[in-house]
Each structure stands twice: as structure tokens, then as C-alpha cells.
Amino acid sequence: MFTRIHHVSIAVRSLEQALPFYRDVLGLPENQRATVADQGVHAVLLATPDGEMELLEPVDPSRGIARFLQRKGEGLHHLCLETPDVDAAVTHARRIGIPLIDESSHLGLAGMIAFLHPKASHGILVEFAQPLASPAHPASVAGGIQALGLCSVYAVVKDLASAAAVHARNFHATVGPIQENVLLGANEVVMSIGRSRITLLSPADGRSPVGCFLTDRGEGLFGVCLRVLDLEAALAYLERIDISTEVHGKDTAASLARLDPSRTHGVNLFLCSTPPGRCQTQDD
């Protein structure tokens, strides 16, 4: 029913302030840009080979993105799952009792879309999208770190087993075993939805970034990991342009770099250097 993560959405105060990082530093080309009146936003989709990053700037102070920014500041807003039949996905969700925001699909930037209520998936706002055209392949942006794609989307939950069961039921996710994630001070479950990955994290150490996030913000989207061809080269480039990073598991095959969130518009953004589908965030 779901083929991949279509995009990860980020609420920002200004597209023009956010684009120099997401487009030029990460090297992600613009795919689409539009004003979505019924959501009260200016939106830009930035392409990777296996999923997109969406930037949302509010234009209506009474709508959801503006209220989100007022409550939580800039950062991850929602996760979009691609489906070949959005109406069938909504019908299935209604039949198994998933709480919906949209009772039927409507036109959005990603195609025909519908939103679920965040309580359907442990604090994650989930969008279903049925694209109306084949994916575009815009020309790469020259320079930057040349991010290759989405390795995994991270979400923080209180109970891994319960949250994994909900995702398996609601989104037909294939669920892996509970493992220790030494680098992030958490336990994790890696799930596959189509050809994309979501990693559920539960803090093993309350003082870790995962533990602090759960205490401060509750369950929900925590971060995004992007694949790069050469992590050392990416880190050297970021150092040259004065973006600080924190490297976990340095000099190991599973090394993971976390960028300064003040430069990523509130997003916990991680970089790894591994083949598609093989990103690891734990010491092996």
C-alpha cells in the first residue's frame, strides 16, 4: 500500500533564509515551488533520489504551520508516505479506526493527499500522498555536500514494542528487532515502509539527546539522516563554511555526524556515508 517516504516536511520562518542551507549546502535541487492556499503556506520540495525534503513557510497566521512555529519553533513538522491509491489508504485507515484529519483526499503539492491525526502514530503527523506525475529528476546543484538521499527518519517514542506494532498495523511496516543504539544513547527499532526506513528510538539514557527530546517535546519526529558519498569530505566542507558538527562513532564503519541544529533551522540532521538501505547508527 505504501511505496516509500515521499517527503519529510520542515516548518521554517522564511524560505529564502532556509534555502541557502537546504539547497546550496546540502546540494538538493528544487523540484517544485508553490503557494498552497488551503494550508496557508509557501512550499518548496527539494529532491533526492529516494525522497524529498519539503520546506514550509507560513503565509496565514491562523493556519497550522504558523501555529506550529509559535509553539515549537522551526523544525520537523510531518512525514509523508507515498501510495499508489490515496483513497484506498484513507478507506483502510478509517476501517481500522485510525483517527483522521482529512476524511477524504484533496489536491496538495505532492499530489492527492490526506492527513492522519498525530495520535494515530505516537505523535507523528503523517500525510498520505498519491503523486499525479512521475517523479521529476531536476539537475543537481553545483557545490555543497551533495546529499545522496534519505537514509532514515528518526522518531522518539516511549515504548518501542507498542509503537512498532502500531506502525506495522497502520502502515504495513516491516519491523526489525529491538537493538541498542550506542551512538545516540537509545534503544531502537528499524522499520521498512516500502523502500524507505523509519527508526524508532527510545532513550536508554535520559541525558542523551533522545532522552532530552522526549522530556522536552514528547513523542514525535526527532531527526533525519542523509547519505553522503564521502563523510570526511562533507565534514571538511562544513568546517570550511563554519557549520559545526558532532561526530558519533568516529573512525568506525557506523560513524554518524550531527549538524548544529541552529544552522539547520531546528532539525536534528545527521549524515552517514553508507550504501542505500545500509545506514547503521550503532557500533557493530
C-alpha atoms as a PDB file:
ATOM      1  CA  MET A   1       0.000   0.000   0.000  1.00  0.00           C
ATOM      2  CA  PHE A   2       2.917   2.380   0.714  1.00  0.00           C
ATOM      3  CA  THR A   3       5.942   2.512  -1.550  1.00  0.00           C
ATOM      4  CA  ARG A   4       8.324   4.894   0.238  1.00  0.00           C
ATOM      5  CA  ILE A   5       8.695   8.073   2.235  1.00  0.00           C
ATOM      6  CA  HIS A   6       7.669  10.738  -0.268  1.00  0.00           C
ATOM      7  CA  HIS A   7       8.995  13.635   1.779  1.00  0.00           C
ATOM      8  CA  VAL A   8       9.901  14.934   5.202  1.00  0.00           C
ATOM      9  CA  SER A   9       8.432  18.355   5.933  1.00  0.00           C
ATOM     10  CA  ILE A  10      10.189  21.175   7.807  1.00  0.00           C
ATOM     11  CA  ALA A  11       8.487  24.299   9.137  1.00  0.00           C
ATOM     12  CA  VAL A  12      10.633  27.404   8.612  1.00  0.00           C
ATOM     13  CA  ARG A  13      10.022  31.090   9.163  1.00  0.00           C
ATOM     14  CA  SER A  14      11.474  32.075   5.789  1.00  0.00           C
ATOM     15  CA  LEU A  15      12.094  30.025   2.660  1.00  0.00           C
ATOM     16  CA  GLU A  16      14.708  32.475   1.478  1.00  0.00           C
ATOM     17  CA  GLN A  17      16.634  32.085   4.740  1.00  0.00           C
ATOM     18  CA  ALA A  18      16.332  28.270   4.755  1.00  0.00           C
ATOM     19  CA  LEU A  19      17.120  27.579   1.084  1.00  0.00           C
ATOM     20  CA  PRO A  20      20.807  28.580   1.252  1.00  0.00           C
ATOM     21  CA  PHE A  21      21.316  25.660   3.654  1.00  0.00           C
ATOM     22  CA  TYR A  22      18.956  23.005   2.278  1.00  0.00           C
ATOM     23  CA  ARG A  23      19.572  23.758  -1.395  1.00  0.00           C
ATOM     24  CA  ASP A  24      23.134  25.080  -1.519  1.00  0.00           C
ATOM     25  CA  VAL A  25      24.894  23.437   1.446  1.00  0.00           C
ATOM     26  CA  LEU A  26      23.177  20.050   1.172  1.00  0.00           C
ATOM     27  CA  GLY A  27      23.172  20.231  -2.623  1.00  0.00           C
ATOM     28  CA  LEU A  28      19.465  19.411  -3.006  1.00  0.00           C
ATOM     29  CA  PRO A  29      17.850  20.806  -6.190  1.00  0.00           C
ATOM     30  CA  GLU A  30      14.420  22.412  -6.172  1.00  0.00           C
ATOM     31  CA  ASN A  31      11.748  20.140  -7.592  1.00  0.00           C
ATOM     32  CA  GLN A  32       8.577  22.198  -7.033  1.00  0.00           C
ATOM     33  CA  ARG A  33       7.620  25.550  -5.536  1.00  0.00           C
ATOM     34  CA  ALA A  34       4.076  26.738  -4.912  1.00  0.00           C
ATOM     35  CA  THR A  35       1.725  28.561  -2.574  1.00  0.00           C
ATOM     36  CA  VAL A  36      -0.759  26.110  -1.060  1.00  0.00           C
ATOM     37  CA  ALA A  37      -3.696  28.310  -0.103  1.00  0.00           C
ATOM     38  CA  ASP A  38      -5.705  25.790   1.915  1.00  0.00           C
ATOM     39  CA  GLN A  39      -2.669  25.073   4.115  1.00  0.00           C
ATOM     40  CA  GLY A  40      -1.617  28.723   4.337  1.00  0.00           C
ATOM     41  CA  VAL A  41       1.973  28.116   3.217  1.00  0.00           C
ATOM     42  CA  HIS A  42       4.605  28.815   0.629  1.00  0.00           C
ATOM     43  CA  ALA A  43       6.203  25.415  -0.057  1.00  0.00           C
ATOM     44  CA  VAL A  44       9.328  24.111  -1.764  1.00  0.00           C
ATOM     45  CA  LEU A  45      10.120  20.456  -2.462  1.00  0.00           C
ATOM     46  CA  LEU A  46      13.829  19.643  -2.706  1.00  0.00           C
ATOM     47  CA  ALA A  47      14.683  16.405  -4.466  1.00  0.00           C
ATOM     48  CA  THR A  48      16.863  13.441  -3.523  1.00  0.00           C
ATOM     49  CA  PRO A  49      16.917  10.173  -5.489  1.00  0.00           C
ATOM     50  CA  ASP A  50      14.802   8.392  -2.867  1.00  0.00           C
ATOM     51  CA  GLY A  51      12.632  11.012  -1.184  1.00  0.00           C
ATOM     52  CA  GLU A  52      12.263  14.759  -0.821  1.00  0.00           C
ATOM     53  CA  MET A  53      12.684  17.457   1.795  1.00  0.00           C
ATOM     54  CA  GLU A  54       9.810  19.954   1.954  1.00  0.00           C
ATOM     55  CA  LEU A  55      10.193  23.455   3.371  1.00  0.00           C
ATOM     56  CA  LEU A  56       7.027  25.210   4.552  1.00  0.00           C
ATOM     57  CA  GLU A  57       6.782  28.943   5.266  1.00  0.00           C
ATOM     58  CA  PRO A  58       3.516  30.262   6.732  1.00  0.00           C
ATOM     59  CA  VAL A  59       1.576  32.971   4.909  1.00  0.00           C
ATOM     60  CA  ASP A  60      -1.563  32.784   7.084  1.00  0.00           C
ATOM     61  CA  PRO A  61      -1.010  33.296  10.850  1.00  0.00           C
ATOM     62  CA  SER A  62      -4.216  31.414  11.653  1.00  0.00           C
ATOM     63  CA  ARG A  63      -3.197  28.137   9.963  1.00  0.00           C
ATOM     64  CA  GLY A  64      -1.340  25.102  11.262  1.00  0.00           C
ATOM     65  CA  ILE A  65       2.236  25.869  10.207  1.00  0.00           C
ATOM     66  CA  ALA A  66       2.132  29.352  11.748  1.00  0.00           C
ATOM     67  CA  ARG A  67       0.730  27.944  14.992  1.00  0.00           C
ATOM     68  CA  PHE A  68       3.379  25.181  14.982  1.00  0.00           C
ATOM     69  CA  LEU A  69       6.154  27.770  14.693  1.00  0.00           C
ATOM     70  CA  GLN A  70       4.661  29.795  17.528  1.00  0.00           C
ATOM     71  CA  ARG A  71       4.517  26.737  19.819  1.00  0.00           C
ATOM     72  CA  LYS A  72       7.658  24.825  18.889  1.00  0.00           C
ATOM     73  CA  GLY A  73       9.814  26.958  16.632  1.00  0.00           C
ATOM     74  CA  GLU A  74      11.415  25.777  13.399  1.00  0.00           C
ATOM     75  CA  GLY A  75      11.859  22.050  12.868  1.00  0.00           C
ATOM     76  CA  LEU A  76      10.384  18.819  11.565  1.00  0.00           C
ATOM     77  CA  HIS A  77       6.647  19.077  11.000  1.00  0.00           C
ATOM     78  CA  HIS A  78       5.353  15.926   9.309  1.00  0.00           C
ATOM     79  CA  LEU A  79       6.192  12.765   7.403  1.00  0.00           C
ATOM     80  CA  CYS A  80       4.596  11.921   4.051  1.00  0.00           C
ATOM     81  CA  LEU A  81       4.131   8.342   2.823  1.00  0.00           C
ATOM     82  CA  GLU A  82       3.634   7.714  -0.873  1.00  0.00           C
ATOM     83  CA  THR A  83       0.832   5.413  -2.008  1.00  0.00           C
ATOM     84  CA  PRO A  84      -0.489   4.444  -5.446  1.00  0.00           C
ATOM     85  CA  ASP A  85      -4.069   4.899  -4.190  1.00  0.00           C
ATOM     86  CA  VAL A  86      -4.603   7.548  -1.536  1.00  0.00           C
ATOM     87  CA  ASP A  87      -8.363   6.989  -1.328  1.00  0.00           C
ATOM     88  CA  ALA A  88      -7.832   3.279  -0.654  1.00  0.00           C
ATOM     89  CA  ALA A  89      -5.288   4.183   2.032  1.00  0.00           C
ATOM     90  CA  VAL A  90      -7.758   6.573   3.694  1.00  0.00           C
ATOM     91  CA  THR A  91     -10.535   3.965   3.496  1.00  0.00           C
ATOM     92  CA  HIS A  92      -8.240   1.371   5.103  1.00  0.00           C
ATOM     93  CA  ALA A  93      -7.271   3.836   7.842  1.00  0.00           C
ATOM     94  CA  ARG A  94     -10.908   4.603   8.598  1.00  0.00           C
ATOM     95  CA  ARG A  95     -11.837   0.904   8.614  1.00  0.00           C
ATOM     96  CA  ILE A  96      -9.214   0.002  11.232  1.00  0.00           C
ATOM     97  CA  GLY A  97     -10.055   3.005  13.390  1.00  0.00           C
ATOM     98  CA  ILE A  98      -7.137   5.348  12.690  1.00  0.00           C
ATOM     99  CA  PRO A  99      -8.117   8.924  13.636  1.00  0.00           C
ATOM    100  CA  LEU A 100      -8.125  11.168  10.573  1.00  0.00           C
ATOM    101  CA  ILE A 101      -7.721  14.887   9.993  1.00  0.00           C
ATOM    102  CA  ASP A 102      -8.926  14.559   6.390  1.00  0.00           C
ATOM    103  CA  GLU A 103     -11.907  12.291   5.751  1.00  0.00           C
ATOM    104  CA  SER A 104     -11.148  12.336   2.016  1.00  0.00           C
ATOM    105  CA  SER A 105      -8.226  13.195  -0.213  1.00  0.00           C
ATOM    106  CA  HIS A 106      -7.645  16.620  -1.751  1.00  0.00           C
ATOM    107  CA  LEU A 107      -5.079  18.251  -4.012  1.00  0.00           C
ATOM    108  CA  GLY A 108      -1.773  19.296  -2.472  1.00  0.00           C
ATOM    109  CA  LEU A 109       1.791  19.978  -3.591  1.00  0.00           C
ATOM    110  CA  ALA A 110       2.657  16.257  -3.546  1.00  0.00           C
ATOM    111  CA  GLY A 111      -0.468  15.222  -5.498  1.00  0.00           C
ATOM    112  CA  MET A 112      -3.680  13.933  -3.936  1.00  0.00           C
ATOM    113  CA  ILE A 113      -3.122  13.995  -0.184  1.00  0.00           C
ATOM    114  CA  ALA A 114      -4.759  13.300   3.169  1.00  0.00           C
ATOM    115  CA  PHE A 115      -3.547  13.755   6.756  1.00  0.00           C
ATOM    116  CA  LEU A 116      -3.910  11.476   9.765  1.00  0.00           C
ATOM    117  CA  HIS A 117      -4.127  12.745  13.321  1.00  0.00           C
ATOM    118  CA  PRO A 118      -0.754  12.619  15.170  1.00  0.00           C
ATOM    119  CA  LYS A 119      -2.234  10.388  17.883  1.00  0.00           C
ATOM    120  CA  ALA A 120      -2.523   7.707  15.182  1.00  0.00           C
ATOM    121  CA  SER A 121       1.254   7.222  15.179  1.00  0.00           C
ATOM    122  CA  HIS A 122       2.758   8.212  18.544  1.00  0.00           C
ATOM    123  CA  GLY A 123       2.944  11.939  17.949  1.00  0.00           C
ATOM    124  CA  ILE A 124       3.964  11.873  14.269  1.00  0.00           C
ATOM    125  CA  LEU A 125       1.798  13.865  11.883  1.00  0.00           C
ATOM    126  CA  VAL A 126       1.513  11.577   8.831  1.00  0.00           C
ATOM    127  CA  GLU A 127       0.422  12.589   5.357  1.00  0.00           C
ATOM    128  CA  PHE A 128      -0.571  10.164   2.593  1.00  0.00           C
ATOM    129  CA  ALA A 129       0.248  11.288  -0.954  1.00  0.00           C
ATOM    130  CA  GLN A 130      -0.566   9.911  -4.398  1.00  0.00           C
ATOM    131  CA  PRO A 131       1.635  11.775  -6.917  1.00  0.00           C
ATOM    132  CA  LEU A 132      -0.137  12.803 -10.115  1.00  0.00           C
ATOM    133  CA  ALA A 133       3.011  12.629 -12.259  1.00  0.00           C
ATOM    134  CA  SER A 134       6.196  10.601 -12.442  1.00  0.00           C
ATOM    135  CA  PRO A 135       8.971  11.852 -10.130  1.00  0.00           C
ATOM    136  CA  ALA A 136      10.990  14.695 -11.620  1.00  0.00           C
ATOM    137  CA  HIS A 137      14.762  14.468 -11.745  1.00  0.00           C
ATOM    138  CA  PRO A 138      15.993  18.065 -11.589  1.00  0.00           C
ATOM    139  CA  ALA A 139      19.636  18.820 -12.269  1.00  0.00           C
ATOM    140  CA  SER A 140      21.909  18.614  -9.245  1.00  0.00           C
ATOM    141  CA  VAL A 141      23.001  21.803  -7.527  1.00  0.00           C
ATOM    142  CA  ALA A 142      26.687  22.506  -8.001  1.00  0.00           C
ATOM    143  CA  GLY A 143      28.693  22.523  -4.781  1.00  0.00           C
ATOM    144  CA  GLY A 144      27.634  21.668  -1.250  1.00  0.00           C
ATOM    145  CA  ILE A 145      27.971  18.209   0.263  1.00  0.00           C
ATOM    146  CA  GLN A 146      25.849  16.559  -2.458  1.00  0.00           C
ATOM    147  CA  ALA A 147      23.496  14.572  -0.218  1.00  0.00           C
ATOM    148  CA  LEU A 148      22.549  11.317  -1.953  1.00  0.00           C
ATOM    149  CA  GLY A 149      19.230  10.584  -0.286  1.00  0.00           C
ATOM    150  CA  LEU A 150      17.261   9.772   2.855  1.00  0.00           C
ATOM    151  CA  CYS A 151      18.911   7.050   4.900  1.00  0.00           C
ATOM    152  CA  SER A 152      16.371   7.053   7.730  1.00  0.00           C
ATOM    153  CA  VAL A 153      13.867   9.243   9.527  1.00  0.00           C
ATOM    154  CA  TYR A 154      14.129   9.113  13.329  1.00  0.00           C
ATOM    155  CA  ALA A 155      11.160   9.270  15.713  1.00  0.00           C
ATOM    156  CA  VAL A 156      11.214   9.205  19.514  1.00  0.00           C
ATOM    157  CA  VAL A 157       8.669   7.046  21.351  1.00  0.00           C
ATOM    158  CA  LYS A 158       8.158   5.928  24.922  1.00  0.00           C
ATOM    159  CA  ASP A 159       7.565   2.222  24.246  1.00  0.00           C
ATOM    160  CA  LEU A 160       9.337   0.675  21.268  1.00  0.00           C
ATOM    161  CA  ALA A 161       7.308  -2.534  21.096  1.00  0.00           C
ATOM    162  CA  SER A 162       3.977  -0.722  21.261  1.00  0.00           C
ATOM    163  CA  ALA A 163       4.961   1.943  18.719  1.00  0.00           C
ATOM    164  CA  ALA A 164       6.396  -0.637  16.305  1.00  0.00           C
ATOM    165  CA  ALA A 165       3.179  -2.659  16.480  1.00  0.00           C
ATOM    166  CA  VAL A 166       1.148   0.463  15.682  1.00  0.00           C
ATOM    167  CA  HIS A 167       3.302   1.270  12.638  1.00  0.00           C
ATOM    168  CA  ALA A 168       3.156  -2.321  11.422  1.00  0.00           C
ATOM    169  CA  ARG A 169      -0.633  -2.276  11.669  1.00  0.00           C
ATOM    170  CA  ASN A 170      -1.252   1.206  10.308  1.00  0.00           C
ATOM    171  CA  PHE A 171       1.379   1.449   7.571  1.00  0.00           C
ATOM    172  CA  HIS A 172       2.255  -2.165   6.755  1.00  0.00           C
ATOM    173  CA  ALA A 173       5.756  -1.619   8.121  1.00  0.00           C
ATOM    174  CA  THR A 174       8.231  -4.483   8.341  1.00  0.00           C
ATOM    175  CA  VAL A 175       9.649  -4.310  11.855  1.00  0.00           C
ATOM    176  CA  GLY A 176      13.153  -5.320  12.923  1.00  0.00           C
ATOM    177  CA  PRO A 177      14.291  -6.391  16.398  1.00  0.00           C
ATOM    178  CA  ILE A 178      14.901  -4.059  19.325  1.00  0.00           C
ATOM    179  CA  GLN A 179      18.602  -3.155  19.367  1.00  0.00           C
ATOM    180  CA  GLU A 180      20.911  -0.915  21.329  1.00  0.00           C
ATOM    181  CA  ASN A 181      21.937   2.326  19.653  1.00  0.00           C
ATOM    182  CA  VAL A 182      25.154   3.226  21.451  1.00  0.00           C
ATOM    183  CA  LEU A 183      25.777   6.366  19.449  1.00  0.00           C
ATOM    184  CA  LEU A 184      22.500   8.043  20.381  1.00  0.00           C
ATOM    185  CA  GLY A 185      22.126   6.654  23.899  1.00  0.00           C
ATOM    186  CA  ALA A 186      18.915   4.859  22.974  1.00  0.00           C
ATOM    187  CA  ASN A 187      17.299   1.583  22.058  1.00  0.00           C
ATOM    188  CA  GLU A 188      15.928   1.374  18.538  1.00  0.00           C
ATOM    189  CA  VAL A 189      13.678  -0.484  16.152  1.00  0.00           C
ATOM    190  CA  VAL A 190      14.323  -0.063  12.425  1.00  0.00           C
ATOM    191  CA  MET A 191      11.224  -0.368  10.244  1.00  0.00           C
ATOM    192  CA  SER A 192      10.882  -0.606   6.479  1.00  0.00           C
ATOM    193  CA  ILE A 193       7.931   1.033   4.748  1.00  0.00           C
ATOM    194  CA  GLY A 194       8.247   0.212   1.091  1.00  0.00           C
ATOM    195  CA  ARG A 195      11.840   1.008   0.213  1.00  0.00           C
ATOM    196  CA  SER A 196      12.273   3.612   2.974  1.00  0.00           C
ATOM    197  CA  ARG A 197      13.333   3.336   6.596  1.00  0.00           C
ATOM    198  CA  ILE A 198      11.998   4.800   9.832  1.00  0.00           C
ATOM    199  CA  THR A 199      13.986   4.315  13.030  1.00  0.00           C
ATOM    200  CA  LEU A 200      12.062   4.420  16.302  1.00  0.00           C
ATOM    201  CA  LEU A 201      14.177   5.497  19.276  1.00  0.00           C
ATOM    202  CA  SER A 202      13.501   5.183  22.996  1.00  0.00           C
ATOM    203  CA  PRO A 203      16.020   6.690  25.442  1.00  0.00           C
ATOM    204  CA  ALA A 204      18.335   4.372  27.351  1.00  0.00           C
ATOM    205  CA  ASP A 205      19.925   7.448  28.936  1.00  0.00           C
ATOM    206  CA  GLY A 206      17.657  10.293  29.993  1.00  0.00           C
ATOM    207  CA  ARG A 207      20.502  12.787  29.488  1.00  0.00           C
ATOM    208  CA  SER A 208      21.075  11.792  25.863  1.00  0.00           C
ATOM    209  CA  PRO A 209      19.669  13.946  23.029  1.00  0.00           C
ATOM    210  CA  VAL A 210      16.890  11.360  22.630  1.00  0.00           C
ATOM    211  CA  GLY A 211      16.084  11.445  26.344  1.00  0.00           C
ATOM    212  CA  CYS A 212      16.082  15.242  26.471  1.00  0.00           C
ATOM    213  CA  PHE A 213      13.845  15.397  23.397  1.00  0.00           C
ATOM    214  CA  LEU A 214      11.278  13.061  24.972  1.00  0.00           C
ATOM    215  CA  THR A 215      11.290  15.075  28.205  1.00  0.00           C
ATOM    216  CA  ASP A 216      11.016  18.451  26.478  1.00  0.00           C
ATOM    217  CA  ARG A 217       8.755  17.707  23.499  1.00  0.00           C
ATOM    218  CA  GLY A 218       7.223  14.276  23.963  1.00  0.00           C
ATOM    219  CA  GLU A 219       6.872  11.627  21.280  1.00  0.00           C
ATOM    220  CA  GLY A 220       7.296  12.611  17.640  1.00  0.00           C
ATOM    221  CA  LEU A 221       9.712  13.208  14.791  1.00  0.00           C
ATOM    222  CA  PHE A 222      13.278  13.550  16.074  1.00  0.00           C
ATOM    223  CA  GLY A 223      15.607  13.817  13.103  1.00  0.00           C
ATOM    224  CA  VAL A 224      16.657  12.863   9.587  1.00  0.00           C
ATOM    225  CA  CYS A 225      19.765  11.036   8.409  1.00  0.00           C
ATOM    226  CA  LEU A 226      21.069  11.807   4.917  1.00  0.00           C
ATOM    227  CA  ARG A 227      23.541   9.675   2.973  1.00  0.00           C
ATOM    228  CA  VAL A 228      26.629  11.318   1.531  1.00  0.00           C
ATOM    229  CA  LEU A 229      29.241   9.782  -0.729  1.00  0.00           C
ATOM    230  CA  ASP A 230      32.211  10.797   1.436  1.00  0.00           C
ATOM    231  CA  LEU A 231      31.528  11.715   5.059  1.00  0.00           C
ATOM    232  CA  GLU A 232      35.034  13.035   5.716  1.00  0.00           C
ATOM    233  CA  ALA A 233      34.831  15.323   2.686  1.00  0.00           C
ATOM    234  CA  ALA A 234      31.381  16.519   3.782  1.00  0.00           C
ATOM    235  CA  LEU A 235      32.670  17.310   7.276  1.00  0.00           C
ATOM    236  CA  ALA A 236      35.653  19.186   5.854  1.00  0.00           C
ATOM    237  CA  TYR A 237      33.319  21.268   3.659  1.00  0.00           C
ATOM    238  CA  LEU A 238      31.046  22.073   6.611  1.00  0.00           C
ATOM    239  CA  GLU A 239      34.044  23.120   8.689  1.00  0.00           C
ATOM    240  CA  ARG A 240      35.170  25.480   5.928  1.00  0.00           C
ATOM    241  CA  ILE A 241      31.801  27.245   5.939  1.00  0.00           C
ATOM    242  CA  ASP A 242      31.702  27.344   9.755  1.00  0.00           C
ATOM    243  CA  ILE A 243      28.948  24.773  10.401  1.00  0.00           C
ATOM    244  CA  SER A 244      29.933  22.747  13.449  1.00  0.00           C
ATOM    245  CA  THR A 245      29.284  19.005  13.706  1.00  0.00           C
ATOM    246  CA  GLU A 246      29.335  16.398  16.441  1.00  0.00           C
ATOM    247  CA  VAL A 247      30.637  13.044  15.198  1.00  0.00           C
ATOM    248  CA  HIS A 248      29.492   9.848  16.918  1.00  0.00           C
ATOM    249  CA  GLY A 249      31.463   6.640  16.425  1.00  0.00           C
ATOM    250  CA  LYS A 250      34.358   8.443  14.744  1.00  0.00           C
ATOM    251  CA  ASP A 251      36.674   6.201  12.719  1.00  0.00           C
ATOM    252  CA  THR A 252      34.150   3.355  12.700  1.00  0.00           C
ATOM    253  CA  ALA A 253      32.076   1.999   9.827  1.00  0.00           C
ATOM    254  CA  ALA A 254      28.974   3.323  11.596  1.00  0.00           C
ATOM    255  CA  SER A 255      30.142   6.905  12.151  1.00  0.00           C
ATOM    256  CA  LEU A 256      27.335   9.439  12.280  1.00  0.00           C
ATOM    257  CA  ALA A 257      27.647  13.236  12.190  1.00  0.00           C
ATOM    258  CA  ARG A 258      25.072  15.553  13.772  1.00  0.00           C
ATOM    259  CA  LEU A 259      24.984  19.111  12.480  1.00  0.00           C
ATOM    260  CA  ASP A 260      24.465  22.126  14.714  1.00  0.00           C
ATOM    261  CA  PRO A 261      20.627  22.489  14.849  1.00  0.00           C
ATOM    262  CA  SER A 262      20.934  26.267  14.951  1.00  0.00           C
ATOM    263  CA  ARG A 263      22.228  26.077  11.354  1.00  0.00           C
ATOM    264  CA  THR A 264      19.655  23.529  10.133  1.00  0.00           C
ATOM    265  CA  HIS A 265      16.569  25.525  11.130  1.00  0.00           C
ATOM    266  CA  GLY A 266      15.819  23.416  14.183  1.00  0.00           C
ATOM    267  CA  VAL A 267      16.237  19.975  12.600  1.00  0.00           C
ATOM    268  CA  ASN A 268      18.340  17.187  14.116  1.00  0.00           C
ATOM    269  CA  LEU A 269      20.152  16.481  10.869  1.00  0.00           C
ATOM    270  CA  PHE A 270      22.587  13.576  10.670  1.00  0.00           C
ATOM    271  CA  LEU A 271      24.969  12.496   7.921  1.00  0.00           C
ATOM    272  CA  CYS A 272      26.237   8.999   7.218  1.00  0.00           C
ATOM    273  CA  SER A 273      28.378   7.542   4.458  1.00  0.00           C
ATOM    274  CA  THR A 274      26.932   4.164   3.548  1.00  0.00           C
ATOM    275  CA  PRO A 275      25.184   2.475   0.620  1.00  0.00           C
ATOM    276  CA  PRO A 276      21.369   2.882   0.294  1.00  0.00           C
ATOM    277  CA  GLY A 277      19.440   0.845   2.857  1.00  0.00           C
ATOM    278  CA  ARG A 278      22.522   0.026   4.894  1.00  0.00           C
ATOM    279  CA  CYS A 279      22.741   3.036   7.235  1.00  0.00           C
ATOM    280  CA  GLN A 280      23.663   1.956  10.731  1.00  0.00           C
ATOM    281  CA  THR A 281      23.577   4.129  13.834  1.00  0.00           C
ATOM    282  CA  GLN A 282      25.056   1.694  16.293  1.00  0.00           C
ATOM    283  CA  ASP A 283      28.503   0.311  16.999  1.00  0.00           C
ATOM    284  CA  ASP A 284      28.867  -3.057  15.271  1.00  0.00           C
END
